[in-house]
């Protein structure tokens, strides 16, 4: 698989968690929290409007984190482009899983 500067990797998925967007990198076992503009940009990778200079830093960061690949599969999210796209934070998947609430905890209200 040859990485492309404007395509997503097939094994990186985006999910919405508590009104935030999270990329789950299954291969590298990492999660990346995105701002809304970054989520929009992720969903639209490969489209002409992403050739804009303001997105080049975000696409470069995706490449540095090994999140780009060959996928043309559509992504459906409810996000808008309203500012500079950015990865807000990242963490190994095991750390993120350990920070999830314990559903057997009697004090968990979910």
PDB file of N, CA and C in Angstrom:
ATOM      1  N   UNK A   1       0.849  -1.183   0.000  1.00  0.00           N
ATOM      2  CA  UNK A   1       0.000   0.000   0.000  1.00  0.00           C
ATOM      3  C   UNK A   1       0.889   1.239   0.000  1.00  0.00           C
ATOM      4  N   UNK A   2       0.682   2.091  -0.959  1.00  0.00           N
ATOM      5  CA  UNK A   2       1.423   3.341  -1.042  1.00  0.00           C
ATOM      6  C   UNK A   2       0.605   4.451  -0.405  1.00  0.00           C
ATOM      7  N   UNK A   3       1.194   5.191   0.508  1.00  0.00           N
ATOM      8  CA  UNK A   3       0.482   6.292   1.161  1.00  0.00           C
ATOM      9  C   UNK A   3       0.275   7.429   0.176  1.00  0.00           C
ATOM     10  N   UNK A   4      -0.836   8.081   0.321  1.00  0.00           N
ATOM     11  CA  UNK A   4      -1.166   9.226  -0.518  1.00  0.00           C
ATOM     12  C   UNK A   4      -1.317  10.442   0.368  1.00  0.00           C
ATOM     13  N   UNK A   5      -0.960  11.621  -0.107  1.00  0.00           N
ATOM     14  CA  UNK A   5      -1.076  12.805   0.739  1.00  0.00           C
ATOM     15  C   UNK A   5      -2.521  13.242   0.952  1.00  0.00           C
ATOM     16  N   UNK A   6      -3.473  12.597   0.308  1.00  0.00           N
ATOM     17  CA  UNK A   6      -4.847  13.043   0.488  1.00  0.00           C
ATOM     18  C   UNK A   6      -5.848  11.892   0.613  1.00  0.00           C
ATOM     19  N   UNK A   7      -5.402  10.747   1.088  1.00  0.00           N
ATOM     20  CA  UNK A   7      -6.286   9.593   1.280  1.00  0.00           C
ATOM     21  C   UNK A   7      -6.145   9.082   2.712  1.00  0.00           C
ATOM     22  N   UNK A   8      -7.215   8.447   3.189  1.00  0.00           N
ATOM     23  CA  UNK A   8      -7.210   7.884   4.534  1.00  0.00           C
ATOM     24  C   UNK A   8      -6.720   6.429   4.501  1.00  0.00           C
ATOM     25  N   UNK A   9      -6.167   5.969   5.601  1.00  0.00           N
ATOM     26  CA  UNK A   9      -5.866   4.541   5.741  1.00  0.00           C
ATOM     27  C   UNK A   9      -7.166   3.821   6.033  1.00  0.00           C
ATOM     28  N   UNK A  10      -7.297   2.599   5.497  1.00  0.00           N
ATOM     29  CA  UNK A  10      -8.520   1.816   5.684  1.00  0.00           C
ATOM     30  C   UNK A  10      -8.766   1.417   7.136  1.00  0.00           C
ATOM     31  N   UNK A  11      -7.708   1.255   7.908  1.00  0.00           N
ATOM     32  CA  UNK A  11      -7.866   0.780   9.279  1.00  0.00           C
ATOM     33  C   UNK A  11      -7.869   1.908  10.312  1.00  0.00           C
ATOM     34  N   UNK A  12      -8.107   3.137   9.858  1.00  0.00           N
ATOM     35  CA  UNK A  12      -8.281   4.275  10.763  1.00  0.00           C
ATOM     36  C   UNK A  12      -9.735   4.703  10.654  1.00  0.00           C
ATOM     37  N   UNK A  13     -10.440   4.645  11.769  1.00  0.00           N
ATOM     38  CA  UNK A  13     -11.857   5.005  11.752  1.00  0.00           C
ATOM     39  C   UNK A  13     -12.100   6.242  12.607  1.00  0.00           C
ATOM     40  N   UNK A  14     -13.165   6.946  12.276  1.00  0.00           N
ATOM     41  CA  UNK A  14     -13.528   8.127  13.048  1.00  0.00           C
ATOM     42  C   UNK A  14     -14.842   7.848  13.761  1.00  0.00           C
ATOM     43  N   UNK A  15     -14.905   8.226  15.027  1.00  0.00           N
ATOM     44  CA  UNK A  15     -16.126   8.079  15.812  1.00  0.00           C
ATOM     45  C   UNK A  15     -16.379   9.389  16.555  1.00  0.00           C
ATOM     46  N   UNK A  16     -17.636   9.617  16.873  1.00  0.00           N
ATOM     47  CA  UNK A  16     -17.989  10.789  17.665  1.00  0.00           C
ATOM     48  C   UNK A  16     -18.249  10.332  19.090  1.00  0.00           C
ATOM     49  N   UNK A  17     -17.555  10.970  20.031  1.00  0.00           N
ATOM     50  CA  UNK A  17     -17.675  10.628  21.445  1.00  0.00           C
ATOM     51  C   UNK A  17     -17.928  11.914  22.214  1.00  0.00           C
ATOM     52  N   UNK A  18     -19.082  12.030  22.831  1.00  0.00           N
ATOM     53  CA  UNK A  18     -19.420  13.214  23.624  1.00  0.00           C
ATOM     54  C   UNK A  18     -19.154  14.509  22.858  1.00  0.00           C
ATOM     55  N   UNK A  19     -19.651  14.585  21.651  1.00  0.00           N
ATOM     56  CA  UNK A  19     -19.533  15.761  20.773  1.00  0.00           C
ATOM     57  C   UNK A  19     -18.093  16.092  20.393  1.00  0.00           C
ATOM     58  N   UNK A  20     -17.195  15.107  20.505  1.00  0.00           N
ATOM     59  CA  UNK A  20     -15.827  15.253  20.021  1.00  0.00           C
ATOM     60  C   UNK A  20     -15.576  14.142  19.014  1.00  0.00           C
ATOM     61  N   UNK A  21     -14.660  14.376  18.101  1.00  0.00           N
ATOM     62  CA  UNK A  21     -14.348  13.404  17.067  1.00  0.00           C
ATOM     63  C   UNK A  21     -13.011  12.754  17.374  1.00  0.00           C
ATOM     64  N   UNK A  22     -12.977  11.431  17.273  1.00  0.00           N
ATOM     65  CA  UNK A  22     -11.793  10.664  17.630  1.00  0.00           C
ATOM     66  C   UNK A  22     -11.422   9.741  16.474  1.00  0.00           C
ATOM     67  N   UNK A  23     -10.156   9.800  16.045  1.00  0.00           N
ATOM     68  CA  UNK A  23      -9.636   8.830  15.092  1.00  0.00           C
ATOM     69  C   UNK A  23      -9.072   7.663  15.881  1.00  0.00           C
ATOM     70  N   UNK A  24      -9.445   6.467  15.501  1.00  0.00           N
ATOM     71  CA  UNK A  24      -8.904   5.267  16.129  1.00  0.00           C
ATOM     72  C   UNK A  24      -7.989   4.594  15.110  1.00  0.00           C
ATOM     73  N   UNK A  25      -6.707   4.605  15.413  1.00  0.00           N
ATOM     74  CA  UNK A  25      -5.684   4.014  14.554  1.00  0.00           C
ATOM     75  C   UNK A  25      -5.458   2.595  15.051  1.00  0.00           C
ATOM     76  N   UNK A  26      -6.086   1.633  14.366  1.00  0.00           N
ATOM     77  CA  UNK A  26      -6.026   0.249  14.819  1.00  0.00           C
ATOM     78  C   UNK A  26      -4.643  -0.372  14.648  1.00  0.00           C
ATOM     79  N   UNK A  27      -3.942  -0.013  13.580  1.00  0.00           N
ATOM     80  CA  UNK A  27      -2.623  -0.593  13.318  1.00  0.00           C
ATOM     81  C   UNK A  27      -1.610  -0.172  14.381  1.00  0.00           C
ATOM     82  N   UNK A  28      -1.576   1.106  14.694  1.00  0.00           N
ATOM     83  CA  UNK A  28      -0.600   1.629  15.659  1.00  0.00           C
ATOM     84  C   UNK A  28      -1.148   1.716  17.078  1.00  0.00           C
ATOM     85  N   UNK A  29      -2.407   1.308  17.266  1.00  0.00           N
ATOM     86  CA  UNK A  29      -3.064   1.306  18.576  1.00  0.00           C
ATOM     87  C   UNK A  29      -2.963   2.662  19.260  1.00  0.00           C
ATOM     88  N   UNK A  30      -3.448   3.684  18.564  1.00  0.00           N
ATOM     89  CA  UNK A  30      -3.454   5.052  19.068  1.00  0.00           C
ATOM     90  C   UNK A  30      -4.813   5.670  18.809  1.00  0.00           C
ATOM     91  N   UNK A  31      -5.171   6.653  19.631  1.00  0.00           N
ATOM     92  CA  UNK A  31      -6.340   7.472  19.335  1.00  0.00           C
ATOM     93  C   UNK A  31      -5.881   8.919  19.201  1.00  0.00           C
ATOM     94  N   UNK A  32      -6.612   9.669  18.374  1.00  0.00           N
ATOM     95  CA  UNK A  32      -6.300  11.079  18.142  1.00  0.00           C
ATOM     96  C   UNK A  32      -7.612  11.850  18.212  1.00  0.00           C
ATOM     97  N   UNK A  33      -7.699  12.801  19.127  1.00  0.00           N
ATOM     98  CA  UNK A  33      -8.884  13.639  19.257  1.00  0.00           C
ATOM     99  C   UNK A  33      -8.738  14.797  18.285  1.00  0.00           C
ATOM    100  N   UNK A  34      -9.769  15.010  17.455  1.00  0.00           N
ATOM    101  CA  UNK A  34      -9.748  16.056  16.442  1.00  0.00           C
ATOM    102  C   UNK A  34     -10.682  17.189  16.811  1.00  0.00           C
ATOM    103  N   UNK A  35     -10.345  18.403  16.385  1.00  0.00           N
ATOM    104  CA  UNK A  35     -11.335  19.465  16.491  1.00  0.00           C
ATOM    105  C   UNK A  35     -12.328  19.292  15.334  1.00  0.00           C
ATOM    106  N   UNK A  36     -13.395  20.064  15.339  1.00  0.00           N
ATOM    107  CA  UNK A  36     -14.454  19.867  14.352  1.00  0.00           C
ATOM    108  C   UNK A  36     -13.961  20.091  12.919  1.00  0.00           C
ATOM    109  N   UNK A  37     -13.107  21.067  12.717  1.00  0.00           N
ATOM    110  CA  UNK A  37     -12.571  21.324  11.380  1.00  0.00           C
ATOM    111  C   UNK A  37     -11.707  20.162  10.895  1.00  0.00           C
ATOM    112  N   UNK A  38     -10.947  19.567  11.805  1.00  0.00           N
ATOM    113  CA  UNK A  38     -10.118  18.418  11.440  1.00  0.00           C
ATOM    114  C   UNK A  38     -10.989  17.216  11.088  1.00  0.00           C
ATOM    115  N   UNK A  39     -12.088  17.026  11.822  1.00  0.00           N
ATOM    116  CA  UNK A  39     -13.015  15.931  11.499  1.00  0.00           C
ATOM    117  C   UNK A  39     -13.611  16.132  10.111  1.00  0.00           C
ATOM    118  N   UNK A  40     -13.983  17.365   9.803  1.00  0.00           N
ATOM    119  CA  UNK A  40     -14.523  17.673   8.477  1.00  0.00           C
ATOM    120  C   UNK A  40     -13.462  17.388   7.416  1.00  0.00           C
ATOM    121  N   UNK A  41     -12.236  17.843   7.661  1.00  0.00           N
ATOM    122  CA  UNK A  41     -11.148  17.636   6.701  1.00  0.00           C
ATOM    123  C   UNK A  41     -10.878  16.150   6.499  1.00  0.00           C
ATOM    124  N   UNK A  42     -10.889  15.360   7.589  1.00  0.00           N
ATOM    125  CA  UNK A  42     -10.678  13.911   7.488  1.00  0.00           C
ATOM    126  C   UNK A  42     -11.739  13.285   6.585  1.00  0.00           C
ATOM    127  N   UNK A  43     -12.983  13.685   6.785  1.00  0.00           N
ATOM    128  CA  UNK A  43     -14.081  13.125   5.994  1.00  0.00           C
ATOM    129  C   UNK A  43     -13.991  13.513   4.525  1.00  0.00           C
ATOM    130  N   UNK A  44     -13.337  14.621   4.220  1.00  0.00           N
ATOM    131  CA  UNK A  44     -13.273  15.120   2.852  1.00  0.00           C
ATOM    132  C   UNK A  44     -11.897  14.947   2.200  1.00  0.00           C
ATOM    133  N   UNK A  45     -11.011  14.170   2.813  1.00  0.00           N
ATOM    134  CA  UNK A  45      -9.699  13.949   2.206  1.00  0.00           C
ATOM    135  C   UNK A  45      -9.864  13.428   0.792  1.00  0.00           C
ATOM    136  N   UNK A  46      -9.083  13.957  -0.118  1.00  0.00           N
ATOM    137  CA  UNK A  46      -9.133  13.535  -1.511  1.00  0.00           C
ATOM    138  C   UNK A  46      -9.973  14.436  -2.385  1.00  0.00           C
ATOM    139  N   UNK A  47     -10.743  15.333  -1.788  1.00  0.00           N
ATOM    140  CA  UNK A  47     -11.562  16.250  -2.565  1.00  0.00           C
ATOM    141  C   UNK A  47     -10.764  17.503  -2.904  1.00  0.00           C
ATOM    142  N   UNK A  48     -11.145  18.154  -3.968  1.00  0.00           N
ATOM    143  CA  UNK A  48     -10.384  19.292  -4.502  1.00  0.00           C
ATOM    144  C   UNK A  48     -10.181  20.411  -3.490  1.00  0.00           C
ATOM    145  N   UNK A  49     -11.196  20.716  -2.674  1.00  0.00           N
ATOM    146  CA  UNK A  49     -11.064  21.850  -1.761  1.00  0.00           C
ATOM    147  C   UNK A  49     -10.005  21.647  -0.688  1.00  0.00           C
ATOM    148  N   UNK A  50      -9.538  20.421  -0.507  1.00  0.00           N
ATOM    149  CA  UNK A  50      -8.503  20.177   0.491  1.00  0.00           C
ATOM    150  C   UNK A  50      -7.110  20.523  -0.018  1.00  0.00           C
ATOM    151  N   UNK A  51      -7.008  20.974  -1.238  1.00  0.00           N
ATOM    152  CA  UNK A  51      -5.712  21.395  -1.760  1.00  0.00           C
ATOM    153  C   UNK A  51      -5.320  22.775  -1.230  1.00  0.00           C
ATOM    154  N   UNK A  52      -6.206  23.406  -0.472  1.00  0.00           N
ATOM    155  CA  UNK A  52      -5.936  24.737   0.067  1.00  0.00           C
ATOM    156  C   UNK A  52      -4.696  24.720   0.956  1.00  0.00           C
ATOM    157  N   UNK A  53      -3.946  25.800   0.933  1.00  0.00           N
ATOM    158  CA  UNK A  53      -2.714  25.920   1.712  1.00  0.00           C
ATOM    159  C   UNK A  53      -2.978  25.776   3.212  1.00  0.00           C
ATOM    160  N   UNK A  54      -4.105  26.280   3.698  1.00  0.00           N
ATOM    161  CA  UNK A  54      -4.382  26.238   5.148  1.00  0.00           C
ATOM    162  C   UNK A  54      -4.520  24.821   5.684  1.00  0.00           C
ATOM    163  N   UNK A  55      -4.756  23.847   4.815  1.00  0.00           N
ATOM    164  CA  UNK A  55      -4.889  22.472   5.268  1.00  0.00           C
ATOM    165  C   UNK A  55      -3.598  21.681   5.165  1.00  0.00           C
ATOM    166  N   UNK A  56      -2.589  22.244   4.553  1.00  0.00           N
ATOM    167  CA  UNK A  56      -1.358  21.491   4.331  1.00  0.00           C
ATOM    168  C   UNK A  56      -0.691  21.074   5.640  1.00  0.00           C
ATOM    169  N   UNK A  57      -0.743  21.898   6.659  1.00  0.00           N
ATOM    170  CA  UNK A  57      -0.137  21.547   7.947  1.00  0.00           C
ATOM    171  C   UNK A  57      -0.865  20.362   8.578  1.00  0.00           C
ATOM    172  N   UNK A  58      -2.197  20.349   8.472  1.00  0.00           N
ATOM    173  CA  UNK A  58      -2.968  19.237   9.025  1.00  0.00           C
ATOM    174  C   UNK A  58      -2.663  17.946   8.272  1.00  0.00           C
ATOM    175  N   UNK A  59      -2.638  18.006   6.949  1.00  0.00           N
ATOM    176  CA  UNK A  59      -2.339  16.820   6.146  1.00  0.00           C
ATOM    177  C   UNK A  59      -0.915  16.333   6.442  1.00  0.00           C
ATOM    178  N   UNK A  60       0.018  17.246   6.636  1.00  0.00           N
ATOM    179  CA  UNK A  60       1.388  16.869   7.000  1.00  0.00           C
ATOM    180  C   UNK A  60       1.415  16.161   8.347  1.00  0.00           C
ATOM    181  N   UNK A  61       0.627  16.649   9.300  1.00  0.00           N
ATOM    182  CA  UNK A  61       0.569  16.004  10.614  1.00  0.00           C
ATOM    183  C   UNK A  61      -0.032  14.612  10.503  1.00  0.00           C
ATOM    184  N   UNK A  62      -1.068  14.448   9.671  1.00  0.00           N
ATOM    185  CA  UNK A  62      -1.635  13.117   9.450  1.00  0.00           C
ATOM    186  C   UNK A  62      -0.576  12.171   8.888  1.00  0.00           C
ATOM    187  N   UNK A  63       0.219  12.660   7.954  1.00  0.00           N
ATOM    188  CA  UNK A  63       1.278  11.837   7.365  1.00  0.00           C
ATOM    189  C   UNK A  63       2.326  11.462   8.411  1.00  0.00           C
ATOM    190  N   UNK A  64       2.724  12.416   9.247  1.00  0.00           N
ATOM    191  CA  UNK A  64       3.717  12.148  10.287  1.00  0.00           C
ATOM    192  C   UNK A  64       3.228  11.086  11.269  1.00  0.00           C
ATOM    193  N   UNK A  65       1.937  11.044  11.507  1.00  0.00           N
ATOM    194  CA  UNK A  65       1.361  10.083  12.448  1.00  0.00           C
ATOM    195  C   UNK A  65       0.936   8.789  11.754  1.00  0.00           C
ATOM    196  N   UNK A  66       1.321   8.621  10.481  1.00  0.00           N
ATOM    197  CA  UNK A  66       1.066   7.408   9.706  1.00  0.00           C
ATOM    198  C   UNK A  66      -0.438   7.105   9.593  1.00  0.00           C
ATOM    199  N   UNK A  67      -1.249   8.140   9.321  1.00  0.00           N
ATOM    200  CA  UNK A  67      -2.697   7.972   9.222  1.00  0.00           C
ATOM    201  C   UNK A  67      -3.202   8.014   7.781  1.00  0.00           C
ATOM    202  N   UNK A  68      -2.309   8.214   6.833  1.00  0.00           N
ATOM    203  CA  UNK A  68      -2.733   8.311   5.440  1.00  0.00           C
ATOM    204  C   UNK A  68      -2.475   7.011   4.704  1.00  0.00           C
ATOM    205  N   UNK A  69      -3.316   6.749   3.699  1.00  0.00           N
ATOM    206  CA  UNK A  69      -3.191   5.513   2.933  1.00  0.00           C
ATOM    207  C   UNK A  69      -3.827   5.652   1.573  1.00  0.00           C
ATOM    208  N   UNK A  70      -4.748   4.747   1.239  1.00  0.00           N
ATOM    209  CA  UNK A  70      -5.325   4.702  -0.102  1.00  0.00           C
ATOM    210  C   UNK A  70      -6.845   4.708  -0.140  1.00  0.00           C
ATOM    211  N   UNK A  71      -7.517   4.865   0.979  1.00  0.00           N
ATOM    212  CA  UNK A  71      -8.967   4.709   1.029  1.00  0.00           C
ATOM    213  C   UNK A  71      -9.734   5.857   0.388  1.00  0.00           C
ATOM    214  N   UNK A  72     -10.704   5.484  -0.463  1.00  0.00           N
ATOM    215  CA  UNK A  72     -11.647   6.437  -1.032  1.00  0.00           C
ATOM    216  C   UNK A  72     -13.024   6.266  -0.409  1.00  0.00           C
ATOM    217  N   UNK A  73     -13.146   5.374   0.565  1.00  0.00           N
ATOM    218  CA  UNK A  73     -14.448   5.096   1.174  1.00  0.00           C
ATOM    219  C   UNK A  73     -14.996   6.352   1.832  1.00  0.00           C
ATOM    220  N   UNK A  74     -16.276   6.659   1.595  1.00  0.00           N
ATOM    221  CA  UNK A  74     -16.850   7.869   2.183  1.00  0.00           C
ATOM    222  C   UNK A  74     -16.969   7.760   3.701  1.00  0.00           C
ATOM    223  N   UNK A  75     -16.870   8.884   4.349  1.00  0.00           N
ATOM    224  CA  UNK A  75     -17.044   8.979   5.800  1.00  0.00           C
ATOM    225  C   UNK A  75     -18.183   9.944   6.044  1.00  0.00           C
ATOM    226  N   UNK A  76     -19.131   9.543   6.869  1.00  0.00           N
ATOM    227  CA  UNK A  76     -20.283  10.395   7.157  1.00  0.00           C
ATOM    228  C   UNK A  76     -20.200  10.907   8.592  1.00  0.00           C
ATOM    229  N   UNK A  77     -20.002  12.207   8.738  1.00  0.00           N
ATOM    230  CA  UNK A  77     -19.974  12.837  10.056  1.00  0.00           C
ATOM    231  C   UNK A  77     -20.714  14.156   9.992  1.00  0.00           C
ATOM    232  N   UNK A  78     -21.144  14.638  11.124  1.00  0.00           N
ATOM    233  CA  UNK A  78     -21.808  15.935  11.229  1.00  0.00           C
ATOM    234  C   UNK A  78     -20.809  16.941  11.788  1.00  0.00           C
ATOM    235  N   UNK A  79     -19.961  17.459  10.923  1.00  0.00           N
ATOM    236  CA  UNK A  79     -18.955  18.436  11.340  1.00  0.00           C
ATOM    237  C   UNK A  79     -18.865  19.512  10.273  1.00  0.00           C
ATOM    238  N   UNK A  80     -18.363  20.661  10.667  1.00  0.00           N
ATOM    239  CA  UNK A  80     -18.207  21.757   9.725  1.00  0.00           C
ATOM    240  C   UNK A  80     -16.760  22.231   9.728  1.00  0.00           C
ATOM    241  N   UNK A  81     -16.405  22.947   8.683  1.00  0.00           N
ATOM    242  CA  UNK A  81     -15.081  23.547   8.602  1.00  0.00           C
ATOM    243  C   UNK A  81     -15.218  24.978   9.081  1.00  0.00           C
ATOM    244  N   UNK A  82     -14.740  25.241  10.290  1.00  0.00           N
ATOM    245  CA  UNK A  82     -14.945  26.567  10.873  1.00  0.00           C
ATOM    246  C   UNK A  82     -13.675  27.144  11.492  1.00  0.00           C
ATOM    247  N   UNK A  83     -12.549  26.566  11.213  1.00  0.00           N
ATOM    248  CA  UNK A  83     -11.296  27.066  11.775  1.00  0.00           C
ATOM    249  C   UNK A  83     -10.150  26.208  11.315  1.00  0.00           C
ATOM    250  N   UNK A  84      -9.023  26.357  11.957  1.00  0.00           N
ATOM    251  CA  UNK A  84      -7.843  25.587  11.593  1.00  0.00           C
ATOM    252  C   UNK A  84      -7.984  24.144  12.068  1.00  0.00           C
ATOM    253  N   UNK A  85      -7.899  23.171  11.145  1.00  0.00           N
ATOM    254  CA  UNK A  85      -7.993  21.774  11.568  1.00  0.00           C
ATOM    255  C   UNK A  85      -6.779  21.378  12.397  1.00  0.00           C
ATOM    256  N   UNK A  86      -7.026  20.615  13.460  1.00  0.00           N
ATOM    257  CA  UNK A  86      -5.922  20.223  14.333  1.00  0.00           C
ATOM    258  C   UNK A  86      -6.249  18.941  15.080  1.00  0.00           C
ATOM    259  N   UNK A  87      -5.201  18.188  15.370  1.00  0.00           N
ATOM    260  CA  UNK A  87      -5.314  17.072  16.297  1.00  0.00           C
ATOM    261  C   UNK A  87      -5.133  17.678  17.684  1.00  0.00           C
ATOM    262  N   UNK A  88      -6.162  17.583  18.508  1.00  0.00           N
ATOM    263  CA  UNK A  88      -6.178  18.223  19.820  1.00  0.00           C
ATOM    264  C   UNK A  88      -5.309  17.468  20.813  1.00  0.00           C
ATOM    265  N   UNK A  89      -5.399  16.147  20.793  1.00  0.00           N
ATOM    266  CA  UNK A  89      -4.571  15.326  21.670  1.00  0.00           C
ATOM    267  C   UNK A  89      -4.498  13.915  21.106  1.00  0.00           C
ATOM    268  N   UNK A  90      -3.521  13.161  21.584  1.00  0.00           N
ATOM    269  CA  UNK A  90      -3.325  11.774  21.161  1.00  0.00           C
ATOM    270  C   UNK A  90      -2.911  10.960  22.372  1.00  0.00           C
ATOM    271  N   UNK A  91      -3.213   9.662  22.311  1.00  0.00           N
ATOM    272  CA  UNK A  91      -2.811   8.772  23.394  1.00  0.00           C
ATOM    273  C   UNK A  91      -2.805   7.340  22.879  1.00  0.00           C
ATOM    274  N   UNK A  92      -1.945   6.502  23.452  1.00  0.00           N
ATOM    275  CA  UNK A  92      -2.007   5.090  23.102  1.00  0.00           C
ATOM    276  C   UNK A  92      -3.388   4.539  23.447  1.00  0.00           C
ATOM    277  N   UNK A  93      -3.878   3.635  22.642  1.00  0.00           N
ATOM    278  CA  UNK A  93      -5.214   3.085  22.839  1.00  0.00           C
ATOM    279  C   UNK A  93      -5.373   2.443  24.206  1.00  0.00           C
ATOM    280  N   UNK A  94      -4.341   1.778  24.705  1.00  0.00           N
ATOM    281  CA  UNK A  94      -4.421   1.131  26.009  1.00  0.00           C
ATOM    282  C   UNK A  94      -4.614   2.165  27.114  1.00  0.00           C
ATOM    283  N   UNK A  95      -3.990   3.333  26.994  1.00  0.00           N
ATOM    284  CA  UNK A  95      -4.166   4.395  27.993  1.00  0.00           C
ATOM    285  C   UNK A  95      -5.591   4.917  27.942  1.00  0.00           C
ATOM    286  N   UNK A  96      -6.107   5.135  26.748  1.00  0.00           N
ATOM    287  CA  UNK A  96      -7.477   5.618  26.602  1.00  0.00           C
ATOM    288  C   UNK A  96      -8.457   4.613  27.170  1.00  0.00           C
ATOM    289  N   UNK A  97      -8.233   3.328  26.930  1.00  0.00           N
ATOM    290  CA  UNK A  97      -9.138   2.297  27.445  1.00  0.00           C
ATOM    291  C   UNK A  97      -9.112   2.259  28.966  1.00  0.00           C
ATOM    292  N   UNK A  98      -7.945   2.466  29.553  1.00  0.00           N
ATOM    293  CA  UNK A  98      -7.839   2.456  31.012  1.00  0.00           C
ATOM    294  C   UNK A  98      -8.508   3.666  31.645  1.00  0.00           C
ATOM    295  N   UNK A  99      -8.727   4.733  30.876  1.00  0.00           N
ATOM    296  CA  UNK A  99      -9.379   5.928  31.405  1.00  0.00           C
ATOM    297  C   UNK A  99     -10.885   5.927  31.210  1.00  0.00           C
ATOM    298  N   UNK A 100     -11.421   4.874  30.586  1.00  0.00           N
ATOM    299  CA  UNK A 100     -12.868   4.774  30.401  1.00  0.00           C
ATOM    300  C   UNK A 100     -13.515   4.411  31.728  1.00  0.00           C
ATOM    301  N   UNK A 101     -14.770   4.843  31.929  1.00  0.00           N
ATOM    302  CA  UNK A 101     -15.438   4.495  33.180  1.00  0.00           C
ATOM    303  C   UNK A 101     -15.674   2.992  33.279  1.00  0.00           C
ATOM    304  N   UNK A 102     -15.641   2.499  34.475  1.00  0.00           N
ATOM    305  CA  UNK A 102     -15.910   1.098  34.731  1.00  0.00           C
ATOM    306  C   UNK A 102     -17.410   0.930  34.941  1.00  0.00           C
ATOM    307  N   UNK A 103     -18.066   0.237  34.021  1.00  0.00           N
ATOM    308  CA  UNK A 103     -19.518   0.114  34.080  1.00  0.00           C
ATOM    309  C   UNK A 103     -19.987  -0.729  35.264  1.00  0.00           C
ATOM    310  N   UNK A 104     -19.087  -1.509  35.879  1.00  0.00           N
ATOM    311  CA  UNK A 104     -19.467  -2.257  37.067  1.00  0.00           C
ATOM    312  C   UNK A 104     -19.295  -1.429  38.336  1.00  0.00           C
ATOM    313  N   UNK A 105     -18.737  -0.234  38.195  1.00  0.00           N
ATOM    314  CA  UNK A 105     -18.552   0.669  39.323  1.00  0.00           C
ATOM    315  C   UNK A 105     -19.924   1.186  39.775  1.00  0.00           C
ATOM    316  N   UNK A 106     -20.273   0.997  41.050  1.00  0.00           N
ATOM    317  CA  UNK A 106     -21.601   1.439  41.517  1.00  0.00           C
ATOM    318  C   UNK A 106     -21.801   2.943  41.470  1.00  0.00           C
ATOM    319  N   UNK A 107     -20.706   3.702  41.357  1.00  0.00           N
ATOM    320  CA  UNK A 107     -20.816   5.165  41.298  1.00  0.00           C
ATOM    321  C   UNK A 107     -20.913   5.698  39.870  1.00  0.00           C
ATOM    322  N   UNK A 108     -20.750   4.797  38.869  1.00  0.00           N
ATOM    323  CA  UNK A 108     -20.854   5.212  37.470  1.00  0.00           C
ATOM    324  C   UNK A 108     -22.303   5.496  37.136  1.00  0.00           C
ATOM    325  N   UNK A 109     -22.543   6.696  36.614  1.00  0.00           N
ATOM    326  CA  UNK A 109     -23.888   7.095  36.189  1.00  0.00           C
ATOM    327  C   UNK A 109     -23.884   7.267  34.693  1.00  0.00           C
ATOM    328  N   UNK A 110     -24.333   6.283  33.952  1.00  0.00           N
ATOM    329  CA  UNK A 110     -24.277   6.361  32.507  1.00  0.00           C
ATOM    330  C   UNK A 110     -25.474   5.934  31.796  1.00  0.00           C
TER     331      UNK A 110
END
